């Protein structure tokens, strides 16, 4: 099986609204067994989560994975910091970019690729309030143009 089935678990929609995503990377994530079972049920929230580089390792903070309901003593803390698995050269590249003013590393989505849990992280630069207004105005203008074209085609 060359192409592995991809199933979306969680998506950080707010990241696309608050940040300009400049680059994205696919990473693995170090999890325990009950966390994987909980993710397969779709119990994940990426709101307010971010990544940092510490001692050459990429760590995700604030990613909420609900405890597995049948997990008893093996459940882990829902908001614990988790290690993301990437090549060292990619981590160094992200760390150098994050050191620049205004850049941050944000988890964009969590998904299953075959039997593996993957996290898509993005190198992002924060939007200013006027940038958000411009994006909303452009979206509204595009919607109006589409409506006008649709009316002309009738």
C-alpha atoms as a PDB file:
ATOM      1  CA  UNK A   1       0.000   0.000   0.000  1.00  0.00           C
ATOM      2  CA  UNK A   2       1.887   3.069  -1.278  1.00  0.00           C
ATOM      3  CA  UNK A   3      -0.567   5.765  -0.287  1.00  0.00           C
ATOM      4  CA  UNK A   4      -1.522   5.685   3.359  1.00  0.00           C
ATOM      5  CA  UNK A   5      -5.014   6.757   4.310  1.00  0.00           C
ATOM      6  CA  UNK A   6      -5.067  10.142   6.041  1.00  0.00           C
ATOM      7  CA  UNK A   7      -7.773  10.840   8.631  1.00  0.00           C
ATOM      8  CA  UNK A   8      -8.014  14.335  10.125  1.00  0.00           C
ATOM      9  CA  UNK A   9      -8.330  14.363  13.926  1.00  0.00           C
ATOM     10  CA  UNK A  10      -8.058  18.062  14.806  1.00  0.00           C
ATOM     11  CA  UNK A  11      -7.387  21.301  12.957  1.00  0.00           C
ATOM     12  CA  UNK A  12      -6.288  24.650  14.358  1.00  0.00           C
ATOM     13  CA  UNK A  13      -8.519  27.021  12.369  1.00  0.00           C
ATOM     14  CA  UNK A  14      -7.661  29.974  14.600  1.00  0.00           C
ATOM     15  CA  UNK A  15      -4.004  29.711  13.553  1.00  0.00           C
ATOM     16  CA  UNK A  16      -4.924  30.551   9.947  1.00  0.00           C
ATOM     17  CA  UNK A  17      -6.875  33.572  11.177  1.00  0.00           C
ATOM     18  CA  UNK A  18      -4.265  34.937  13.600  1.00  0.00           C
ATOM     19  CA  UNK A  19      -1.060  34.134  11.689  1.00  0.00           C
ATOM     20  CA  UNK A  20       0.463  34.176   8.223  1.00  0.00           C
ATOM     21  CA  UNK A  21       1.736  30.621   7.754  1.00  0.00           C
ATOM     22  CA  UNK A  22       5.064  30.854   5.917  1.00  0.00           C
ATOM     23  CA  UNK A  23       6.137  27.189   5.911  1.00  0.00           C
ATOM     24  CA  UNK A  24       4.752  23.895   7.216  1.00  0.00           C
ATOM     25  CA  UNK A  25       6.339  20.610   8.277  1.00  0.00           C
ATOM     26  CA  UNK A  26       5.052  17.119   9.034  1.00  0.00           C
ATOM     27  CA  UNK A  27       6.254  15.722  12.357  1.00  0.00           C
ATOM     28  CA  UNK A  28       5.688  12.651  14.443  1.00  0.00           C
ATOM     29  CA  UNK A  29       4.707  12.902  18.090  1.00  0.00           C
ATOM     30  CA  UNK A  30       5.777  10.884  21.124  1.00  0.00           C
ATOM     31  CA  UNK A  31       2.635   9.546  22.825  1.00  0.00           C
ATOM     32  CA  UNK A  32       1.678   6.822  25.273  1.00  0.00           C
ATOM     33  CA  UNK A  33      -0.841   4.106  24.378  1.00  0.00           C
ATOM     34  CA  UNK A  34      -3.943   5.591  25.962  1.00  0.00           C
ATOM     35  CA  UNK A  35      -3.285   8.938  24.257  1.00  0.00           C
ATOM     36  CA  UNK A  36      -3.262   7.216  20.857  1.00  0.00           C
ATOM     37  CA  UNK A  37      -6.563   5.488  21.660  1.00  0.00           C
ATOM     38  CA  UNK A  38      -8.063   8.805  22.720  1.00  0.00           C
ATOM     39  CA  UNK A  39      -6.833  10.465  19.505  1.00  0.00           C
ATOM     40  CA  UNK A  40      -8.421   7.723  17.413  1.00  0.00           C
ATOM     41  CA  UNK A  41     -11.727   8.739  19.031  1.00  0.00           C
ATOM     42  CA  UNK A  42     -11.046  12.362  17.988  1.00  0.00           C
ATOM     43  CA  UNK A  43     -10.502  13.784  21.478  1.00  0.00           C
ATOM     44  CA  UNK A  44      -7.923  16.481  20.707  1.00  0.00           C
ATOM     45  CA  UNK A  45      -7.922  20.287  20.881  1.00  0.00           C
ATOM     46  CA  UNK A  46      -5.188  22.512  19.410  1.00  0.00           C
ATOM     47  CA  UNK A  47      -6.600  25.848  20.562  1.00  0.00           C
ATOM     48  CA  UNK A  48      -3.942  28.031  22.254  1.00  0.00           C
ATOM     49  CA  UNK A  49      -1.197  25.474  21.587  1.00  0.00           C
ATOM     50  CA  UNK A  50       2.304  26.398  20.436  1.00  0.00           C
ATOM     51  CA  UNK A  51       5.720  24.812  19.969  1.00  0.00           C
ATOM     52  CA  UNK A  52       9.152  25.673  21.302  1.00  0.00           C
ATOM     53  CA  UNK A  53      12.669  24.408  20.744  1.00  0.00           C
ATOM     54  CA  UNK A  54      14.471  23.395  23.942  1.00  0.00           C
ATOM     55  CA  UNK A  55      17.808  21.536  24.056  1.00  0.00           C
ATOM     56  CA  UNK A  56      17.541  20.617  20.377  1.00  0.00           C
ATOM     57  CA  UNK A  57      14.073  19.102  20.797  1.00  0.00           C
ATOM     58  CA  UNK A  58      10.767  20.415  19.489  1.00  0.00           C
ATOM     59  CA  UNK A  59       8.118  20.471  22.244  1.00  0.00           C
ATOM     60  CA  UNK A  60       4.388  21.177  21.835  1.00  0.00           C
ATOM     61  CA  UNK A  61       2.716  23.058  24.722  1.00  0.00           C
ATOM     62  CA  UNK A  62      -1.006  23.379  25.434  1.00  0.00           C
ATOM     63  CA  UNK A  63      -2.201  20.556  23.175  1.00  0.00           C
ATOM     64  CA  UNK A  64      -5.170  18.986  24.971  1.00  0.00           C
ATOM     65  CA  UNK A  65      -5.695  15.236  24.509  1.00  0.00           C
ATOM     66  CA  UNK A  66      -8.632  14.076  26.609  1.00  0.00           C
ATOM     67  CA  UNK A  67      -8.012  11.093  28.900  1.00  0.00           C
ATOM     68  CA  UNK A  68      -9.048   7.722  27.482  1.00  0.00           C
ATOM     69  CA  UNK A  69     -12.281   6.717  29.211  1.00  0.00           C
ATOM     70  CA  UNK A  70     -11.241   3.074  29.682  1.00  0.00           C
ATOM     71  CA  UNK A  71      -7.627   3.874  30.529  1.00  0.00           C
ATOM     72  CA  UNK A  72      -7.617   3.920  34.390  1.00  0.00           C
ATOM     73  CA  UNK A  73      -4.074   4.387  35.857  1.00  0.00           C
ATOM     74  CA  UNK A  74      -2.355   4.530  32.469  1.00  0.00           C
ATOM     75  CA  UNK A  75      -3.926   7.870  31.486  1.00  0.00           C
ATOM     76  CA  UNK A  76      -1.553  10.821  31.270  1.00  0.00           C
ATOM     77  CA  UNK A  77      -2.095  14.493  32.047  1.00  0.00           C
ATOM     78  CA  UNK A  78      -4.268  15.996  29.234  1.00  0.00           C
ATOM     79  CA  UNK A  79      -2.186  19.199  28.846  1.00  0.00           C
ATOM     80  CA  UNK A  80       1.297  17.763  29.341  1.00  0.00           C
ATOM     81  CA  UNK A  81       4.125  18.868  27.051  1.00  0.00           C
ATOM     82  CA  UNK A  82       4.804  16.388  24.270  1.00  0.00           C
ATOM     83  CA  UNK A  83       7.902  15.880  22.167  1.00  0.00           C
ATOM     84  CA  UNK A  84       7.599  16.256  18.403  1.00  0.00           C
ATOM     85  CA  UNK A  85       9.813  14.058  16.243  1.00  0.00           C
ATOM     86  CA  UNK A  86      11.732  15.805  13.449  1.00  0.00           C
ATOM     87  CA  UNK A  87      15.184  15.676  11.888  1.00  0.00           C
ATOM     88  CA  UNK A  88      17.745  17.797  13.739  1.00  0.00           C
ATOM     89  CA  UNK A  89      18.442  19.903  10.654  1.00  0.00           C
ATOM     90  CA  UNK A  90      14.746  20.843  10.408  1.00  0.00           C
ATOM     91  CA  UNK A  91      14.623  21.637  14.141  1.00  0.00           C
ATOM     92  CA  UNK A  92      17.681  23.895  13.786  1.00  0.00           C
ATOM     93  CA  UNK A  93      16.027  25.657  10.853  1.00  0.00           C
ATOM     94  CA  UNK A  94      12.860  26.249  12.900  1.00  0.00           C
ATOM     95  CA  UNK A  95      14.864  27.440  15.928  1.00  0.00           C
ATOM     96  CA  UNK A  96      16.772  29.955  13.791  1.00  0.00           C
ATOM     97  CA  UNK A  97      13.547  31.249  12.274  1.00  0.00           C
ATOM     98  CA  UNK A  98      11.837  31.444  15.675  1.00  0.00           C
ATOM     99  CA  UNK A  99      14.727  33.545  16.997  1.00  0.00           C
ATOM    100  CA  UNK A 100      13.738  36.230  14.470  1.00  0.00           C
ATOM    101  CA  UNK A 101      11.309  38.824  15.713  1.00  0.00           C
ATOM    102  CA  UNK A 102       7.631  37.980  15.244  1.00  0.00           C
ATOM    103  CA  UNK A 103       7.965  34.313  14.255  1.00  0.00           C
ATOM    104  CA  UNK A 104       6.482  31.403  16.152  1.00  0.00           C
ATOM    105  CA  UNK A 105       5.869  27.699  15.618  1.00  0.00           C
ATOM    106  CA  UNK A 106       2.210  26.646  15.699  1.00  0.00           C
ATOM    107  CA  UNK A 107       0.642  23.163  15.403  1.00  0.00           C
ATOM    108  CA  UNK A 108      -1.807  23.373  12.500  1.00  0.00           C
ATOM    109  CA  UNK A 109      -3.384  19.925  12.496  1.00  0.00           C
ATOM    110  CA  UNK A 110      -3.240  16.424  13.963  1.00  0.00           C
ATOM    111  CA  UNK A 111      -4.040  13.466  11.729  1.00  0.00           C
ATOM    112  CA  UNK A 112      -3.608   9.725  11.327  1.00  0.00           C
ATOM    113  CA  UNK A 113      -1.437   8.653   8.416  1.00  0.00           C
ATOM    114  CA  UNK A 114      -1.936   4.942   8.196  1.00  0.00           C
ATOM    115  CA  UNK A 115      -1.395   3.798  11.786  1.00  0.00           C
ATOM    116  CA  UNK A 116       0.872   6.737  12.722  1.00  0.00           C
ATOM    117  CA  UNK A 117      -0.174   9.952  14.445  1.00  0.00           C
ATOM    118  CA  UNK A 118       1.279  13.002  12.683  1.00  0.00           C
ATOM    119  CA  UNK A 119       1.267  16.697  13.550  1.00  0.00           C
ATOM    120  CA  UNK A 120       1.554  19.421  10.940  1.00  0.00           C
ATOM    121  CA  UNK A 121       3.427  22.404  12.380  1.00  0.00           C
ATOM    122  CA  UNK A 122       3.769  25.767  10.706  1.00  0.00           C
ATOM    123  CA  UNK A 123       6.289  28.560  10.919  1.00  0.00           C
ATOM    124  CA  UNK A 124       4.050  31.561  11.406  1.00  0.00           C
ATOM    125  CA  UNK A 125       4.257  35.320  11.710  1.00  0.00           C
ATOM    126  CA  UNK A 126       1.541  37.096  13.676  1.00  0.00           C
ATOM    127  CA  UNK A 127      -1.006  39.224  11.832  1.00  0.00           C
ATOM    128  CA  UNK A 128      -1.754  42.746  12.919  1.00  0.00           C
ATOM    129  CA  UNK A 129      -5.362  43.852  13.382  1.00  0.00           C
ATOM    130  CA  UNK A 130      -5.384  45.745  10.077  1.00  0.00           C
ATOM    131  CA  UNK A 131      -4.123  42.603   8.282  1.00  0.00           C
ATOM    132  CA  UNK A 132      -7.087  40.642   9.647  1.00  0.00           C
ATOM    133  CA  UNK A 133      -9.449  43.398   8.459  1.00  0.00           C
ATOM    134  CA  UNK A 134      -7.850  43.365   4.993  1.00  0.00           C
ATOM    135  CA  UNK A 135      -8.226  39.575   4.786  1.00  0.00           C
ATOM    136  CA  UNK A 136     -11.904  39.807   5.798  1.00  0.00           C
ATOM    137  CA  UNK A 137     -12.518  42.589   3.258  1.00  0.00           C
ATOM    138  CA  UNK A 138     -10.848  40.569   0.480  1.00  0.00           C
ATOM    139  CA  UNK A 139     -12.931  37.500   1.385  1.00  0.00           C
ATOM    140  CA  UNK A 140     -16.141  39.577   1.295  1.00  0.00           C
ATOM    141  CA  UNK A 141     -15.182  41.157  -2.051  1.00  0.00           C
ATOM    142  CA  UNK A 142     -14.514  37.714  -3.551  1.00  0.00           C
ATOM    143  CA  UNK A 143     -17.884  36.477  -2.289  1.00  0.00           C
ATOM    144  CA  UNK A 144     -19.635  39.501  -3.893  1.00  0.00           C
ATOM    145  CA  UNK A 145     -17.827  38.918  -7.210  1.00  0.00           C
ATOM    146  CA  UNK A 146     -18.835  35.253  -7.195  1.00  0.00           C
ATOM    147  CA  UNK A 147     -22.462  36.233  -6.549  1.00  0.00           C
ATOM    148  CA  UNK A 148     -22.391  38.775  -9.384  1.00  0.00           C
ATOM    149  CA  UNK A 149     -20.927  36.215 -11.814  1.00  0.00           C
ATOM    150  CA  UNK A 150     -23.522  33.663 -10.776  1.00  0.00           C
ATOM    151  CA  UNK A 151     -26.329  36.226 -11.357  1.00  0.00           C
ATOM    152  CA  UNK A 152     -25.003  37.052 -14.840  1.00  0.00           C
ATOM    153  CA  UNK A 153     -24.911  33.385 -15.800  1.00  0.00           C
ATOM    154  CA  UNK A 154     -28.653  32.982 -15.111  1.00  0.00           C
END
